[in-house]
N, C-alpha and C. Protein backbone atom coordinates (compact mmCIF):
# COMPACT_ATOMS: atom_id res chain seq x y z
N MET A 1 -42.64 119.57 2.49
CA MET A 1 -42.16 120.57 1.56
C MET A 1 -42.80 120.33 0.18
N ASN A 2 -43.24 121.39 -0.45
CA ASN A 2 -43.93 121.32 -1.73
C ASN A 2 -42.92 121.39 -2.87
N ARG A 3 -42.92 120.40 -3.77
CA ARG A 3 -41.99 120.39 -4.90
C ARG A 3 -42.77 120.48 -6.20
N GLN A 4 -42.21 121.19 -7.15
CA GLN A 4 -42.84 121.27 -8.46
C GLN A 4 -41.79 121.24 -9.55
N ARG A 5 -42.19 120.84 -10.74
CA ARG A 5 -41.28 120.77 -11.87
C ARG A 5 -41.56 121.94 -12.80
N LEU A 6 -40.48 122.59 -13.21
CA LEU A 6 -40.55 123.74 -14.10
C LEU A 6 -39.53 123.58 -15.21
N CYS A 7 -39.76 124.28 -16.28
CA CYS A 7 -38.74 124.45 -17.31
C CYS A 7 -37.72 125.43 -16.73
N LEU A 8 -36.45 125.24 -17.00
CA LEU A 8 -35.41 126.11 -16.47
C LEU A 8 -35.69 127.58 -16.78
N ARG A 9 -36.27 127.87 -17.94
CA ARG A 9 -36.59 129.25 -18.34
C ARG A 9 -37.57 129.90 -17.36
N GLU A 10 -38.45 129.11 -16.74
CA GLU A 10 -39.49 129.64 -15.87
C GLU A 10 -39.03 129.94 -14.45
N MET A 11 -37.82 129.55 -14.11
CA MET A 11 -37.33 129.77 -12.75
C MET A 11 -37.04 131.26 -12.51
N ALA A 12 -37.24 131.68 -11.26
CA ALA A 12 -37.00 133.06 -10.87
C ALA A 12 -35.55 133.24 -10.41
N VAL A 13 -35.07 134.48 -10.44
CA VAL A 13 -33.73 134.79 -9.94
C VAL A 13 -33.66 134.39 -8.47
N ASN A 14 -32.57 133.78 -8.09
CA ASN A 14 -32.28 133.25 -6.75
C ASN A 14 -33.04 131.97 -6.42
N GLN A 15 -33.79 131.44 -7.38
CA GLN A 15 -34.49 130.17 -7.14
C GLN A 15 -33.51 129.02 -7.39
N ARG A 16 -33.64 127.99 -6.58
CA ARG A 16 -32.74 126.85 -6.66
C ARG A 16 -33.53 125.59 -6.98
N GLY A 17 -32.92 124.70 -7.75
CA GLY A 17 -33.58 123.45 -8.08
C GLY A 17 -32.59 122.39 -8.52
N THR A 18 -33.11 121.20 -8.80
CA THR A 18 -32.30 120.08 -9.24
C THR A 18 -32.78 119.64 -10.61
N ILE A 19 -31.85 119.48 -11.54
CA ILE A 19 -32.20 119.08 -12.90
C ILE A 19 -32.79 117.67 -12.87
N CYS A 20 -33.97 117.52 -13.50
CA CYS A 20 -34.64 116.22 -13.61
C CYS A 20 -34.32 115.56 -14.94
N SER A 21 -34.38 116.35 -16.01
CA SER A 21 -34.15 115.79 -17.34
C SER A 21 -33.68 116.85 -18.31
N VAL A 22 -32.98 116.38 -19.34
CA VAL A 22 -32.56 117.21 -20.47
C VAL A 22 -33.12 116.53 -21.71
N LYS A 23 -34.07 117.19 -22.36
CA LYS A 23 -34.78 116.57 -23.48
C LYS A 23 -34.17 116.87 -24.84
N ALA A 24 -33.12 117.67 -24.89
CA ALA A 24 -32.47 117.98 -26.16
C ALA A 24 -31.75 116.75 -26.69
N GLU A 25 -31.74 116.61 -28.00
CA GLU A 25 -31.05 115.49 -28.63
C GLU A 25 -30.00 116.01 -29.60
N GLY A 26 -29.21 115.10 -30.12
CA GLY A 26 -28.22 115.45 -31.13
C GLY A 26 -27.15 116.37 -30.60
N GLU A 27 -26.67 117.24 -31.46
CA GLU A 27 -25.57 118.15 -31.13
C GLU A 27 -25.92 119.07 -29.96
N LEU A 28 -27.13 119.62 -29.96
CA LEU A 28 -27.53 120.50 -28.86
C LEU A 28 -27.56 119.76 -27.53
N GLY A 29 -28.12 118.56 -27.51
CA GLY A 29 -28.14 117.76 -26.29
C GLY A 29 -26.74 117.46 -25.78
N ARG A 30 -25.85 117.12 -26.68
CA ARG A 30 -24.46 116.83 -26.28
C ARG A 30 -23.81 118.09 -25.70
N ARG A 31 -24.03 119.23 -26.35
CA ARG A 31 -23.44 120.49 -25.88
C ARG A 31 -23.95 120.86 -24.49
N ILE A 32 -25.26 120.72 -24.28
CA ILE A 32 -25.84 121.03 -22.97
C ILE A 32 -25.26 120.12 -21.90
N ARG A 33 -25.16 118.84 -22.18
CA ARG A 33 -24.59 117.90 -21.20
C ARG A 33 -23.10 118.16 -20.97
N ASP A 34 -22.37 118.53 -22.02
CA ASP A 34 -20.95 118.86 -21.87
C ASP A 34 -20.73 120.06 -20.95
N MET A 35 -21.73 120.95 -20.86
CA MET A 35 -21.61 122.12 -19.98
C MET A 35 -21.90 121.75 -18.52
N GLY A 36 -22.24 120.48 -18.27
CA GLY A 36 -22.49 120.04 -16.90
C GLY A 36 -23.95 120.02 -16.51
N LEU A 37 -24.83 120.30 -17.45
CA LEU A 37 -26.26 120.32 -17.17
C LEU A 37 -26.83 118.92 -17.38
N VAL A 38 -26.69 118.11 -16.35
CA VAL A 38 -27.13 116.71 -16.39
C VAL A 38 -28.06 116.46 -15.20
N PRO A 39 -28.90 115.42 -15.28
CA PRO A 39 -29.82 115.12 -14.17
C PRO A 39 -29.09 115.00 -12.83
N ASN A 40 -29.80 115.40 -11.78
CA ASN A 40 -29.32 115.39 -10.38
C ASN A 40 -28.31 116.48 -10.06
N THR A 41 -28.14 117.44 -10.96
CA THR A 41 -27.25 118.57 -10.71
C THR A 41 -28.07 119.72 -10.13
N GLU A 42 -27.59 120.30 -9.03
CA GLU A 42 -28.29 121.44 -8.43
C GLU A 42 -27.89 122.72 -9.16
N VAL A 43 -28.88 123.55 -9.48
CA VAL A 43 -28.64 124.83 -10.15
C VAL A 43 -29.36 125.94 -9.41
N THR A 44 -28.79 127.15 -9.48
CA THR A 44 -29.41 128.34 -8.92
C THR A 44 -29.39 129.42 -9.99
N ILE A 45 -30.51 130.08 -10.20
CA ILE A 45 -30.57 131.19 -11.15
C ILE A 45 -29.96 132.40 -10.47
N VAL A 46 -28.91 132.98 -11.06
CA VAL A 46 -28.24 134.11 -10.43
C VAL A 46 -28.54 135.43 -11.12
N GLY A 47 -29.10 135.40 -12.32
CA GLY A 47 -29.43 136.66 -12.98
C GLY A 47 -29.97 136.44 -14.38
N ARG A 48 -30.53 137.52 -14.93
CA ARG A 48 -31.05 137.51 -16.30
C ARG A 48 -30.66 138.81 -16.97
N ALA A 49 -30.47 138.74 -18.27
CA ALA A 49 -30.19 139.94 -19.05
C ALA A 49 -31.45 140.83 -19.05
N PRO A 50 -31.33 142.10 -19.37
CA PRO A 50 -32.49 143.01 -19.36
C PRO A 50 -33.68 142.52 -20.18
N LEU A 51 -33.46 141.83 -21.28
CA LEU A 51 -34.56 141.32 -22.09
C LEU A 51 -34.87 139.86 -21.77
N LYS A 52 -34.41 139.39 -20.58
CA LYS A 52 -34.67 138.04 -20.06
C LYS A 52 -33.92 136.92 -20.78
N ASP A 53 -33.05 137.26 -21.70
CA ASP A 53 -32.29 136.24 -22.45
C ASP A 53 -30.89 136.77 -22.70
N PRO A 54 -29.84 136.13 -22.24
CA PRO A 54 -29.77 134.80 -21.63
C PRO A 54 -30.00 134.84 -20.12
N VAL A 55 -29.95 133.65 -19.55
CA VAL A 55 -30.09 133.47 -18.11
C VAL A 55 -28.73 133.00 -17.57
N ALA A 56 -28.34 133.53 -16.41
CA ALA A 56 -27.09 133.10 -15.76
C ALA A 56 -27.44 132.16 -14.63
N LEU A 57 -26.77 131.02 -14.59
CA LEU A 57 -27.03 130.07 -13.53
C LEU A 57 -25.72 129.59 -12.92
N ARG A 58 -25.84 129.18 -11.67
CA ARG A 58 -24.68 128.72 -10.92
C ARG A 58 -24.82 127.23 -10.66
N LEU A 59 -23.79 126.48 -11.00
CA LEU A 59 -23.76 125.06 -10.73
C LEU A 59 -22.32 124.61 -10.56
N ARG A 60 -22.10 123.65 -9.70
CA ARG A 60 -20.77 123.05 -9.50
C ARG A 60 -19.64 124.08 -9.43
N ASP A 61 -19.82 125.12 -8.65
CA ASP A 61 -18.78 126.14 -8.41
C ASP A 61 -18.41 126.98 -9.63
N PHE A 62 -19.29 127.09 -10.62
CA PHE A 62 -19.05 128.03 -11.71
C PHE A 62 -20.38 128.61 -12.18
N THR A 63 -20.28 129.74 -12.87
CA THR A 63 -21.47 130.41 -13.40
C THR A 63 -21.51 130.19 -14.91
N LEU A 64 -22.69 129.90 -15.41
CA LEU A 64 -22.88 129.57 -16.82
C LEU A 64 -24.00 130.44 -17.37
N SER A 65 -23.84 130.92 -18.58
CA SER A 65 -24.88 131.68 -19.26
C SER A 65 -25.52 130.77 -20.31
N LEU A 66 -26.86 130.75 -20.33
CA LEU A 66 -27.58 129.84 -21.21
C LEU A 66 -28.71 130.60 -21.90
N ARG A 67 -28.85 130.39 -23.20
CA ARG A 67 -29.95 131.01 -23.93
C ARG A 67 -31.27 130.36 -23.55
N ASN A 68 -32.35 131.12 -23.63
CA ASN A 68 -33.66 130.59 -23.28
C ASN A 68 -34.05 129.41 -24.17
N ASN A 69 -33.69 129.46 -25.46
CA ASN A 69 -34.07 128.34 -26.33
C ASN A 69 -33.34 127.07 -25.94
N GLU A 70 -32.21 127.16 -25.26
CA GLU A 70 -31.52 125.99 -24.72
C GLU A 70 -32.13 125.58 -23.38
N ALA A 71 -32.49 126.58 -22.57
CA ALA A 71 -33.08 126.32 -21.25
C ALA A 71 -34.43 125.62 -21.37
N ASP A 72 -35.12 125.80 -22.49
CA ASP A 72 -36.43 125.17 -22.68
C ASP A 72 -36.36 123.65 -22.66
N PHE A 73 -35.20 123.07 -22.92
CA PHE A 73 -35.06 121.61 -22.97
C PHE A 73 -34.77 120.99 -21.60
N ILE A 74 -34.60 121.84 -20.57
CA ILE A 74 -34.18 121.35 -19.25
C ILE A 74 -35.33 121.47 -18.25
N THR A 75 -35.67 120.36 -17.62
CA THR A 75 -36.72 120.33 -16.60
C THR A 75 -36.05 120.29 -15.22
N VAL A 76 -36.52 121.14 -14.32
CA VAL A 76 -35.92 121.27 -13.00
C VAL A 76 -37.00 121.08 -11.93
N GLU A 77 -36.65 120.38 -10.85
CA GLU A 77 -37.55 120.26 -9.71
C GLU A 77 -37.14 121.30 -8.68
N VAL A 78 -38.08 122.16 -8.29
CA VAL A 78 -37.79 123.24 -7.35
C VAL A 78 -38.62 123.05 -6.09
N CYS A 79 -38.16 123.62 -5.00
CA CYS A 79 -38.89 123.61 -3.75
C CYS A 79 -39.77 124.85 -3.70
N GLY A 80 -41.04 124.67 -3.44
CA GLY A 80 -41.96 125.79 -3.30
C GLY A 80 -42.35 125.97 -1.86
N ASN A 81 -42.72 127.20 -1.50
CA ASN A 81 -43.12 127.47 -0.12
C ASN A 81 -44.61 127.41 0.04
């Protein structure tokens, strides 16, 4: 199986992956981690707003909306075909 690393913003709707790293620091990094976006967490992109911002993702039995400028700090490993 082919795996690649992407920024969370680059993932397509219905694409699934596992968080590798969160590079945000300070208050933003704490806020992102408090929302459950931590390494080894599986996420699925469930939708995007008409202008592509924000992005809705599903993790740990809940749906979360995240701005693209926050998603830029999160690296995800996805399975490619």
